[in-house]
Amino acid sequence: MGKKYKVTDHIRVPEHEVLSSDEKEELLEKFGINQKQLPKIYDKDPVVKEIEASVGDVLKIKRKSPTAGEAIYYRLVVEEK
């Protein structure tokens, strides 16, 4: 059987990381929001599954940007029904 393909190795998939509890609290406080106000990403997303994120985790997504150099996005992992 061949090598298992990793979604995160693809050039078009930006870097994803799970925030720690402290980092999540700092983020919410910084923007004055609660976690339900964050954009969502489903727990069945291939990257979410690969990095073993769980429902309730907040992901930090770093995308390369031609104008900003790097753009950072945040997503709350929610259950896909």
Protein backbone atom coordinates (compact mmCIF):
# COMPACT_ATOMS: atom_id res chain seq x y z
CA MET A 1 0.00 0.00 0.00
CA GLY A 2 1.31 3.48 -0.87
CA LYS A 3 2.07 6.47 1.28
CA LYS A 4 -0.98 8.02 2.93
CA TYR A 5 -1.81 11.41 1.44
CA LYS A 6 -1.84 14.34 3.87
CA VAL A 7 -4.20 17.19 2.98
CA THR A 8 -1.97 19.66 4.80
CA ASP A 9 0.91 18.87 2.44
CA HIS A 10 -0.97 20.37 -0.51
CA ILE A 11 0.33 23.76 -1.68
CA ARG A 12 -3.20 25.25 -1.69
CA VAL A 13 -3.99 24.30 1.93
CA PRO A 14 -2.99 27.05 4.36
CA GLU A 15 -1.42 26.35 7.74
CA HIS A 16 -3.98 25.47 10.44
CA GLU A 17 -3.31 25.26 14.16
CA VAL A 18 -5.48 24.72 17.22
CA LEU A 19 -5.37 27.57 19.73
CA SER A 20 -4.72 26.76 23.38
CA SER A 21 -7.40 27.70 25.94
CA ASP A 22 -5.39 30.79 26.92
CA GLU A 23 -4.92 31.85 23.30
CA LYS A 24 -8.63 31.37 22.64
CA GLU A 25 -9.58 33.55 25.64
CA GLU A 26 -7.11 36.26 24.57
CA LEU A 27 -8.56 36.26 21.04
CA LEU A 28 -12.15 36.57 22.24
CA GLU A 29 -11.21 39.32 24.69
CA LYS A 30 -9.20 41.20 22.05
CA PHE A 31 -12.19 41.38 19.72
CA GLY A 32 -14.84 41.64 22.46
CA ILE A 33 -16.80 38.65 21.17
CA ASN A 34 -17.89 35.21 22.31
CA GLN A 35 -16.84 32.09 20.46
CA LYS A 36 -20.27 31.63 18.83
CA GLN A 37 -19.60 34.85 16.89
CA LEU A 38 -16.55 33.38 15.15
CA PRO A 39 -16.84 32.02 11.59
CA LYS A 40 -17.39 28.26 11.60
CA ILE A 41 -15.62 25.23 10.16
CA TYR A 42 -17.15 21.74 10.27
CA ASP A 43 -15.62 18.92 12.27
CA LYS A 44 -15.79 16.77 9.11
CA ASP A 45 -13.48 19.13 7.18
CA PRO A 46 -10.45 17.12 5.97
CA VAL A 47 -7.94 19.46 7.64
CA VAL A 48 -9.86 19.50 10.93
CA LYS A 49 -9.84 15.70 10.95
CA GLU A 50 -6.15 15.52 10.02
CA ILE A 51 -5.00 17.89 12.78
CA GLU A 52 -7.36 16.14 15.21
CA ALA A 53 -9.24 19.29 16.21
CA SER A 54 -12.44 18.85 18.22
CA VAL A 55 -15.81 20.58 18.36
CA GLY A 56 -15.32 23.81 20.35
CA ASP A 57 -11.68 24.28 19.30
CA VAL A 58 -10.68 27.52 17.61
CA LEU A 59 -8.35 27.25 14.64
CA LYS A 60 -5.84 29.87 13.55
CA ILE A 61 -5.44 29.77 9.78
CA LYS A 62 -2.47 31.51 8.14
CA ARG A 63 -2.81 32.27 4.44
CA LYS A 64 -0.21 33.83 2.20
CA SER A 65 -1.35 37.19 0.84
CA PRO A 66 0.23 39.12 -2.03
CA THR A 67 -0.66 42.43 -0.37
CA ALA A 68 -0.38 41.71 3.36
CA GLY A 69 2.29 39.01 3.23
CA GLU A 70 0.26 36.85 5.58
CA ALA A 71 -3.43 36.99 6.50
CA ILE A 72 -4.72 35.33 9.65
CA TYR A 73 -8.22 33.92 10.03
CA TYR A 74 -9.95 32.20 12.92
CA ARG A 75 -12.62 29.50 12.78
CA LEU A 76 -14.66 27.73 15.45
CA VAL A 77 -14.96 23.97 14.94
CA VAL A 78 -18.64 22.96 14.98
CA GLU A 79 -20.41 19.66 14.52
CA GLU A 80 -21.74 18.99 11.04
CA LYS A 81 -25.30 17.75 11.37
